[in-house]
Amino acid sequence: MKYCDGRGTSYRNGNSYEDCKKIAEDINARVKPIITDNGSMPWKQLSEEVDHDELVYKLVLKYLRRDGFDIGNFENPQVSVKSN
């Protein structure tokens, strides 16, 4: 997997910010069914899914929140299906 570096304006492996957004959308599509089936996913597991890439990790969380998931907080470090 390609890595994106969120520090400054340079990105790993020559990826642009748009490339990183595309990678995050692809990962988002892959993890949404897992979260829905299991009810939740710990942040640690999500970090492993994105190969510990900070920028992509933050974008995936942003997209999961956009799609109606509860992304948790420091007291509840997991992504879960938002209950109504």
PDB file of N, CA and C in Angstrom:
ATOM      1  N   MET A   1       0.838  -1.177   0.000  1.00  0.00           N
ATOM      2  CA  MET A   1       0.000   0.000   0.000  1.00  0.00           C
ATOM      3  C   MET A   1       0.881   1.237   0.000  1.00  0.00           C
ATOM      4  N   LYS A   2       0.415   2.271  -0.661  1.00  0.00           N
ATOM      5  CA  LYS A   2       1.124   3.549  -0.665  1.00  0.00           C
ATOM      6  C   LYS A   2       0.877   4.255   0.660  1.00  0.00           C
ATOM      7  N   TYR A   3       1.822   5.053   1.091  1.00  0.00           N
ATOM      8  CA  TYR A   3       1.696   5.810   2.333  1.00  0.00           C
ATOM      9  C   TYR A   3       1.598   7.291   2.023  1.00  0.00           C
ATOM     10  N   CYS A   4       0.820   7.991   2.830  1.00  0.00           N
ATOM     11  CA  CYS A   4       0.686   9.442   2.701  1.00  0.00           C
ATOM     12  C   CYS A   4       1.187  10.066   3.989  1.00  0.00           C
ATOM     13  N   ASP A   5       1.920  11.123   3.875  1.00  0.00           N
ATOM     14  CA  ASP A   5       2.465  11.786   5.047  1.00  0.00           C
ATOM     15  C   ASP A   5       1.718  13.089   5.268  1.00  0.00           C
ATOM     16  N   GLY A   6       1.057  13.227   6.426  1.00  0.00           N
ATOM     17  CA  GLY A   6       0.260  14.401   6.721  1.00  0.00           C
ATOM     18  C   GLY A   6       1.061  15.587   7.211  1.00  0.00           C
ATOM     19  N   ARG A   7       2.342  15.402   7.455  1.00  0.00           N
ATOM     20  CA  ARG A   7       3.167  16.517   7.953  1.00  0.00           C
ATOM     21  C   ARG A   7       3.544  17.445   6.815  1.00  0.00           C
ATOM     22  N   GLY A   8       3.285  18.729   7.012  1.00  0.00           N
ATOM     23  CA  GLY A   8       3.654  19.701   5.990  1.00  0.00           C
ATOM     24  C   GLY A   8       2.853  19.509   4.724  1.00  0.00           C
ATOM     25  N   THR A   9       3.501  19.709   3.585  1.00  0.00           N
ATOM     26  CA  THR A   9       2.798  19.593   2.313  1.00  0.00           C
ATOM     27  C   THR A   9       3.318  18.446   1.467  1.00  0.00           C
ATOM     28  N   SER A  10       4.294  17.696   1.946  1.00  0.00           N
ATOM     29  CA  SER A  10       4.811  16.581   1.164  1.00  0.00           C
ATOM     30  C   SER A  10       4.119  15.281   1.598  1.00  0.00           C
ATOM     31  N   TYR A  11       3.926  14.390   0.640  1.00  0.00           N
ATOM     32  CA  TYR A  11       3.272  13.118   0.906  1.00  0.00           C
ATOM     33  C   TYR A  11       4.197  11.991   0.493  1.00  0.00           C
ATOM     34  N   ARG A  12       4.110  10.891   1.216  1.00  0.00           N
ATOM     35  CA  ARG A  12       4.987   9.748   0.930  1.00  0.00           C
ATOM     36  C   ARG A  12       4.704   9.168  -0.446  1.00  0.00           C
ATOM     37  N   ASN A  13       5.719   8.577  -1.019  1.00  0.00           N
ATOM     38  CA  ASN A  13       5.636   7.904  -2.316  1.00  0.00           C
ATOM     39  C   ASN A  13       5.085   8.790  -3.427  1.00  0.00           C
ATOM     40  N   GLY A  14       5.206  10.093  -3.271  1.00  0.00           N
ATOM     41  CA  GLY A  14       4.771  11.009  -4.318  1.00  0.00           C
ATOM     42  C   GLY A  14       3.273  11.144  -4.462  1.00  0.00           C
ATOM     43  N   ASN A  15       2.492  10.672  -3.492  1.00  0.00           N
ATOM     44  CA  ASN A  15       1.039  10.792  -3.568  1.00  0.00           C
ATOM     45  C   ASN A  15       0.605  12.228  -3.340  1.00  0.00           C
ATOM     46  N   SER A  16      -0.411  12.624  -4.058  1.00  0.00           N
ATOM     47  CA  SER A  16      -1.020  13.927  -3.812  1.00  0.00           C
ATOM     48  C   SER A  16      -2.088  13.758  -2.738  1.00  0.00           C
ATOM     49  N   TYR A  17      -2.602  14.857  -2.251  1.00  0.00           N
ATOM     50  CA  TYR A  17      -3.687  14.802  -1.268  1.00  0.00           C
ATOM     51  C   TYR A  17      -4.902  14.104  -1.877  1.00  0.00           C
ATOM     52  N   GLU A  18      -5.146  14.334  -3.151  1.00  0.00           N
ATOM     53  CA  GLU A  18      -6.266  13.669  -3.843  1.00  0.00           C
ATOM     54  C   GLU A  18      -6.061  12.157  -3.883  1.00  0.00           C
ATOM     55  N   ASP A  19      -4.813  11.705  -4.076  1.00  0.00           N
ATOM     56  CA  ASP A  19      -4.514  10.268  -4.036  1.00  0.00           C
ATOM     57  C   ASP A  19      -4.836   9.703  -2.655  1.00  0.00           C
ATOM     58  N   CYS A  20      -4.464  10.435  -1.618  1.00  0.00           N
ATOM     59  CA  CYS A  20      -4.722   9.985  -0.248  1.00  0.00           C
ATOM     60  C   CYS A  20      -6.217   9.899   0.023  1.00  0.00           C
ATOM     61  N   LYS A  21      -6.983  10.862  -0.498  1.00  0.00           N
ATOM     62  CA  LYS A  21      -8.437  10.827  -0.330  1.00  0.00           C
ATOM     63  C   LYS A  21      -9.029   9.602  -1.026  1.00  0.00           C
ATOM     64  N   LYS A  22      -8.512   9.252  -2.200  1.00  0.00           N
ATOM     65  CA  LYS A  22      -8.992   8.084  -2.940  1.00  0.00           C
ATOM     66  C   LYS A  22      -8.679   6.808  -2.161  1.00  0.00           C
ATOM     67  N   ILE A  23      -7.473   6.711  -1.623  1.00  0.00           N
ATOM     68  CA  ILE A  23      -7.087   5.550  -0.814  1.00  0.00           C
ATOM     69  C   ILE A  23      -8.012   5.435   0.387  1.00  0.00           C
ATOM     70  N   ALA A  24      -8.297   6.560   1.042  1.00  0.00           N
ATOM     71  CA  ALA A  24      -9.176   6.560   2.218  1.00  0.00           C
ATOM     72  C   ALA A  24     -10.594   6.128   1.849  1.00  0.00           C
ATOM     73  N   GLU A  25     -11.111   6.579   0.718  1.00  0.00           N
ATOM     74  CA  GLU A  25     -12.455   6.172   0.283  1.00  0.00           C
ATOM     75  C   GLU A  25     -12.499   4.672   0.019  1.00  0.00           C
ATOM     76  N   ASP A  26     -11.441   4.127  -0.585  1.00  0.00           N
ATOM     77  CA  ASP A  26     -11.383   2.685  -0.847  1.00  0.00           C
ATOM     78  C   ASP A  26     -11.378   1.898   0.461  1.00  0.00           C
ATOM     79  N   ILE A  27     -10.589   2.339   1.424  1.00  0.00           N
ATOM     80  CA  ILE A  27     -10.532   1.657   2.719  1.00  0.00           C
ATOM     81  C   ILE A  27     -11.872   1.808   3.440  1.00  0.00           C
ATOM     82  N   ASN A  28     -12.472   2.982   3.340  1.00  0.00           N
ATOM     83  CA  ASN A  28     -13.776   3.230   3.952  1.00  0.00           C
ATOM     84  C   ASN A  28     -14.812   2.227   3.432  1.00  0.00           C
ATOM     85  N   ALA A  29     -14.834   2.034   2.137  1.00  0.00           N
ATOM     86  CA  ALA A  29     -15.778   1.087   1.540  1.00  0.00           C
ATOM     87  C   ALA A  29     -15.512  -0.341   2.029  1.00  0.00           C
ATOM     88  N   ARG A  30     -14.255  -0.653   2.288  1.00  0.00           N
ATOM     89  CA  ARG A  30     -13.891  -1.993   2.743  1.00  0.00           C
ATOM     90  C   ARG A  30     -14.239  -2.227   4.211  1.00  0.00           C
ATOM     91  N   VAL A  31     -14.091  -1.208   5.076  1.00  0.00           N
ATOM     92  CA  VAL A  31     -14.315  -1.423   6.512  1.00  0.00           C
ATOM     93  C   VAL A  31     -15.763  -1.219   6.947  1.00  0.00           C
ATOM     94  N   LYS A  32     -16.556  -0.476   6.181  1.00  0.00           N
ATOM     95  CA  LYS A  32     -17.953  -0.250   6.574  1.00  0.00           C
ATOM     96  C   LYS A  32     -18.720  -1.556   6.779  1.00  0.00           C
ATOM     97  N   PRO A  33     -18.633  -2.534   5.872  1.00  0.00           N
ATOM     98  CA  PRO A  33     -19.354  -3.785   6.116  1.00  0.00           C
ATOM     99  C   PRO A  33     -18.831  -4.543   7.345  1.00  0.00           C
ATOM    100  N   ILE A  34     -17.542  -4.455   7.606  1.00  0.00           N
ATOM    101  CA  ILE A  34     -16.966  -5.120   8.779  1.00  0.00           C
ATOM    102  C   ILE A  34     -17.530  -4.498  10.050  1.00  0.00           C
ATOM    103  N   ILE A  35     -17.579  -3.179  10.101  1.00  0.00           N
ATOM    104  CA  ILE A  35     -18.108  -2.489  11.277  1.00  0.00           C
ATOM    105  C   ILE A  35     -19.591  -2.808  11.450  1.00  0.00           C
ATOM    106  N   THR A  36     -20.330  -2.809  10.359  1.00  0.00           N
ATOM    107  CA  THR A  36     -21.760  -3.095  10.421  1.00  0.00           C
ATOM    108  C   THR A  36     -22.006  -4.523  10.906  1.00  0.00           C
ATOM    109  N   ASP A  37     -21.243  -5.476  10.395  1.00  0.00           N
ATOM    110  CA  ASP A  37     -21.416  -6.881  10.786  1.00  0.00           C
ATOM    111  C   ASP A  37     -21.023  -7.125  12.240  1.00  0.00           C
ATOM    112  N   ASN A  38     -19.910  -6.535  12.671  1.00  0.00           N
ATOM    113  CA  ASN A  38     -19.408  -6.770  14.033  1.00  0.00           C
ATOM    114  C   ASN A  38     -19.990  -5.806  15.063  1.00  0.00           C
ATOM    115  N   GLY A  39     -20.585  -4.726  14.615  1.00  0.00           N
ATOM    116  CA  GLY A  39     -21.126  -3.726  15.526  1.00  0.00           C
ATOM    117  C   GLY A  39     -20.133  -2.642  15.892  1.00  0.00           C
ATOM    118  N   SER A  40     -18.829  -2.933  15.795  1.00  0.00           N
ATOM    119  CA  SER A  40     -17.808  -1.925  16.101  1.00  0.00           C
ATOM    120  C   SER A  40     -16.446  -2.393  15.594  1.00  0.00           C
ATOM    121  N   MET A  41     -15.501  -1.448  15.596  1.00  0.00           N
ATOM    122  CA  MET A  41     -14.110  -1.736  15.245  1.00  0.00           C
ATOM    123  C   MET A  41     -13.232  -0.840  16.100  1.00  0.00           C
ATOM    124  N   PRO A  42     -12.308  -1.428  16.879  1.00  0.00           N
ATOM    125  CA  PRO A  42     -11.397  -0.606  17.689  1.00  0.00           C
ATOM    126  C   PRO A  42     -10.501   0.266  16.799  1.00  0.00           C
ATOM    127  N   TRP A  43     -10.126   1.432  17.324  1.00  0.00           N
ATOM    128  CA  TRP A  43      -9.237   2.326  16.581  1.00  0.00           C
ATOM    129  C   TRP A  43      -7.945   1.619  16.204  1.00  0.00           C
ATOM    130  N   LYS A  44      -7.438   0.777  17.081  1.00  0.00           N
ATOM    131  CA  LYS A  44      -6.182   0.076  16.803  1.00  0.00           C
ATOM    132  C   LYS A  44      -6.318  -0.780  15.550  1.00  0.00           C
ATOM    133  N   GLN A  45      -7.430  -1.487  15.434  1.00  0.00           N
ATOM    134  CA  GLN A  45      -7.652  -2.320  14.254  1.00  0.00           C
ATOM    135  C   GLN A  45      -7.789  -1.457  13.002  1.00  0.00           C
ATOM    136  N   LEU A  46      -8.472  -0.312  13.116  1.00  0.00           N
ATOM    137  CA  LEU A  46      -8.598   0.595  11.980  1.00  0.00           C
ATOM    138  C   LEU A  46      -7.225   1.119  11.563  1.00  0.00           C
ATOM    139  N   SER A  47      -6.382   1.424  12.542  1.00  0.00           N
ATOM    140  CA  SER A  47      -5.030   1.876  12.251  1.00  0.00           C
ATOM    141  C   SER A  47      -4.246   0.816  11.481  1.00  0.00           C
ATOM    142  N   GLU A  48      -4.438  -0.449  11.851  1.00  0.00           N
ATOM    143  CA  GLU A  48      -3.776  -1.543  11.130  1.00  0.00           C
ATOM    144  C   GLU A  48      -4.328  -1.674   9.713  1.00  0.00           C
ATOM    145  N   GLU A  49      -5.627  -1.434   9.541  1.00  0.00           N
ATOM    146  CA  GLU A  49      -6.246  -1.502   8.214  1.00  0.00           C
ATOM    147  C   GLU A  49      -5.643  -0.469   7.259  1.00  0.00           C
ATOM    148  N   VAL A  50      -5.237   0.694   7.796  1.00  0.00           N
ATOM    149  CA  VAL A  50      -4.666   1.752   6.955  1.00  0.00           C
ATOM    150  C   VAL A  50      -3.137   1.733   6.992  1.00  0.00           C
ATOM    151  N   ASP A  51      -2.564   0.649   7.492  1.00  0.00           N
ATOM    152  CA  ASP A  51      -1.104   0.487   7.574  1.00  0.00           C
ATOM    153  C   ASP A  51      -0.449   1.623   8.347  1.00  0.00           C
ATOM    154  N   HIS A  52      -1.106   2.084   9.414  1.00  0.00           N
ATOM    155  CA  HIS A  52      -0.569   3.108  10.316  1.00  0.00           C
ATOM    156  C   HIS A  52      -0.221   4.407   9.591  1.00  0.00           C
ATOM    157  N   ASP A  53      -0.983   4.730   8.561  1.00  0.00           N
ATOM    158  CA  ASP A  53      -0.795   5.968   7.801  1.00  0.00           C
ATOM    159  C   ASP A  53      -1.699   7.040   8.417  1.00  0.00           C
ATOM    160  N   GLU A  54      -1.106   8.030   9.062  1.00  0.00           N
ATOM    161  CA  GLU A  54      -1.853   9.018   9.843  1.00  0.00           C
ATOM    162  C   GLU A  54      -2.865   9.802   9.014  1.00  0.00           C
ATOM    163  N   LEU A  55      -2.470  10.303   7.851  1.00  0.00           N
ATOM    164  CA  LEU A  55      -3.381  11.107   7.044  1.00  0.00           C
ATOM    165  C   LEU A  55      -4.560  10.271   6.557  1.00  0.00           C
ATOM    166  N   VAL A  56      -4.296   9.096   6.028  1.00  0.00           N
ATOM    167  CA  VAL A  56      -5.365   8.233   5.532  1.00  0.00           C
ATOM    168  C   VAL A  56      -6.275   7.815   6.688  1.00  0.00           C
ATOM    169  N   TYR A  57      -5.693   7.523   7.856  1.00  0.00           N
ATOM    170  CA  TYR A  57      -6.467   7.160   9.044  1.00  0.00           C
ATOM    171  C   TYR A  57      -7.464   8.259   9.395  1.00  0.00           C
ATOM    172  N   LYS A  58      -7.001   9.505   9.421  1.00  0.00           N
ATOM    173  CA  LYS A  58      -7.876  10.627   9.760  1.00  0.00           C
ATOM    174  C   LYS A  58      -8.951  10.829   8.699  1.00  0.00           C
ATOM    175  N   LEU A  59      -8.594  10.640   7.439  1.00  0.00           N
ATOM    176  CA  LEU A  59      -9.584  10.768   6.376  1.00  0.00           C
ATOM    177  C   LEU A  59     -10.632   9.659   6.465  1.00  0.00           C
ATOM    178  N   VAL A  60     -10.210   8.439   6.768  1.00  0.00           N
ATOM    179  CA  VAL A  60     -11.171   7.335   6.912  1.00  0.00           C
ATOM    180  C   VAL A  60     -12.143   7.637   8.046  1.00  0.00           C
ATOM    181  N   LEU A  61     -11.639   8.126   9.185  1.00  0.00           N
ATOM    182  CA  LEU A  61     -12.529   8.498  10.287  1.00  0.00           C
ATOM    183  C   LEU A  61     -13.507   9.583   9.851  1.00  0.00           C
ATOM    184  N   LYS A  62     -13.019  10.558   9.120  1.00  0.00           N
ATOM    185  CA  LYS A  62     -13.876  11.645   8.628  1.00  0.00           C
ATOM    186  C   LYS A  62     -14.986  11.079   7.743  1.00  0.00           C
ATOM    187  N   TYR A  63     -14.628  10.165   6.842  1.00  0.00           N
ATOM    188  CA  TYR A  63     -15.621   9.606   5.926  1.00  0.00           C
ATOM    189  C   TYR A  63     -16.602   8.684   6.652  1.00  0.00           C
ATOM    190  N   LEU A  64     -16.120   7.962   7.660  1.00  0.00           N
ATOM    191  CA  LEU A  64     -17.033   7.123   8.441  1.00  0.00           C
ATOM    192  C   LEU A  64     -18.044   7.989   9.189  1.00  0.00           C
ATOM    193  N   ARG A  65     -17.600   9.092   9.773  1.00  0.00           N
ATOM    194  CA  ARG A  65     -18.514  10.008  10.455  1.00  0.00           C
ATOM    195  C   ARG A  65     -19.517  10.575   9.459  1.00  0.00           C
ATOM    196  N   ARG A  66     -19.040  10.945   8.283  1.00  0.00           N
ATOM    197  CA  ARG A  66     -19.916  11.462   7.229  1.00  0.00           C
ATOM    198  C   ARG A  66     -20.997  10.454   6.859  1.00  0.00           C
ATOM    199  N   ASP A  67     -20.636   9.169   6.892  1.00  0.00           N
ATOM    200  CA  ASP A  67     -21.554   8.100   6.491  1.00  0.00           C
ATOM    201  C   ASP A  67     -22.427   7.603   7.638  1.00  0.00           C
ATOM    202  N   GLY A  68     -22.396   8.312   8.782  1.00  0.00           N
ATOM    203  CA  GLY A  68     -23.323   8.008   9.860  1.00  0.00           C
ATOM    204  C   GLY A  68     -22.808   7.098  10.951  1.00  0.00           C
ATOM    205  N   PHE A  69     -21.512   6.828  11.000  1.00  0.00           N
ATOM    206  CA  PHE A  69     -20.943   5.997  12.051  1.00  0.00           C
ATOM    207  C   PHE A  69     -20.511   6.863  13.227  1.00  0.00           C
ATOM    208  N   ASP A  70     -20.535   6.297  14.416  1.00  0.00           N
ATOM    209  CA  ASP A  70     -20.022   6.958  15.615  1.00  0.00           C
ATOM    210  C   ASP A  70     -18.531   6.630  15.673  1.00  0.00           C
ATOM    211  N   ILE A  71     -17.668   7.649  15.567  1.00  0.00           N
ATOM    212  CA  ILE A  71     -16.230   7.373  15.518  1.00  0.00           C
ATOM    213  C   ILE A  71     -15.584   7.344  16.896  1.00  0.00           C
ATOM    214  N   GLY A  72     -16.378   7.503  17.956  1.00  0.00           N
ATOM    215  CA  GLY A  72     -15.868   7.374  19.308  1.00  0.00           C
ATOM    216  C   GLY A  72     -15.058   8.571  19.771  1.00  0.00           C
ATOM    217  N   ASN A  73     -14.367   8.376  20.905  1.00  0.00           N
ATOM    218  CA  ASN A  73     -13.500   9.398  21.490  1.00  0.00           C
ATOM    219  C   ASN A  73     -12.455   8.698  22.353  1.00  0.00           C
ATOM    220  N   PHE A  74     -11.647   9.464  23.083  1.00  0.00           N
ATOM    221  CA  PHE A  74     -10.554   8.851  23.839  1.00  0.00           C
ATOM    222  C   PHE A  74     -11.059   7.923  24.943  1.00  0.00           C
ATOM    223  N   GLU A  75     -12.277   8.136  25.419  1.00  0.00           N
ATOM    224  CA  GLU A  75     -12.837   7.243  26.441  1.00  0.00           C
ATOM    225  C   GLU A  75     -13.459   5.995  25.823  1.00  0.00           C
ATOM    226  N   ASN A  76     -13.839   6.079  24.563  1.00  0.00           N
ATOM    227  CA  ASN A  76     -14.467   4.963  23.846  1.00  0.00           C
ATOM    228  C   ASN A  76     -13.792   4.846  22.485  1.00  0.00           C
ATOM    229  N   PRO A  77     -12.551   4.336  22.445  1.00  0.00           N
ATOM    230  CA  PRO A  77     -11.772   4.340  21.202  1.00  0.00           C
ATOM    231  C   PRO A  77     -12.184   3.260  20.204  1.00  0.00           C
ATOM    232  N   GLN A  78     -13.358   3.438  19.640  1.00  0.00           N
ATOM    233  CA  GLN A  78     -13.822   2.496  18.619  1.00  0.00           C
ATOM    234  C   GLN A  78     -14.807   3.177  17.696  1.00  0.00           C
ATOM    235  N   VAL A  79     -14.925   2.643  16.495  1.00  0.00           N
ATOM    236  CA  VAL A  79     -15.920   3.100  15.540  1.00  0.00           C
ATOM    237  C   VAL A  79     -17.079   2.125  15.647  1.00  0.00           C
ATOM    238  N   SER A  80     -18.279   2.656  15.736  1.00  0.00           N
ATOM    239  CA  SER A  80     -19.444   1.781  15.862  1.00  0.00           C
ATOM    240  C   SER A  80     -20.594   2.322  15.032  1.00  0.00           C
ATOM    241  N   VAL A  81     -21.593   1.464  14.857  1.00  0.00           N
ATOM    242  CA  VAL A  81     -22.804   1.870  14.165  1.00  0.00           C
ATOM    243  C   VAL A  81     -23.553   2.818  15.067  1.00  0.00           C
ATOM    244  N   LYS A  82     -23.908   3.967  14.555  1.00  0.00           N
ATOM    245  CA  LYS A  82     -24.587   4.979  15.362  1.00  0.00           C
ATOM    246  C   LYS A  82     -26.002   4.499  15.680  1.00  0.00           C
ATOM    247  N   SER A  83     -26.355   4.527  16.959  1.00  0.00           N
ATOM    248  CA  SER A  83     -27.714   4.138  17.347  1.00  0.00           C
ATOM    249  C   SER A  83     -28.592   5.372  17.383  1.00  0.00           C
ATOM    250  N   ASN A  84     -29.820   5.218  16.945  1.00  0.00           N
ATOM    251  CA  ASN A  84     -30.749   6.361  16.906  1.00  0.00           C
ATOM    252  C   ASN A  84     -31.399   6.594  18.216  1.00  0.00           C
TER     253      ASN A  84
END
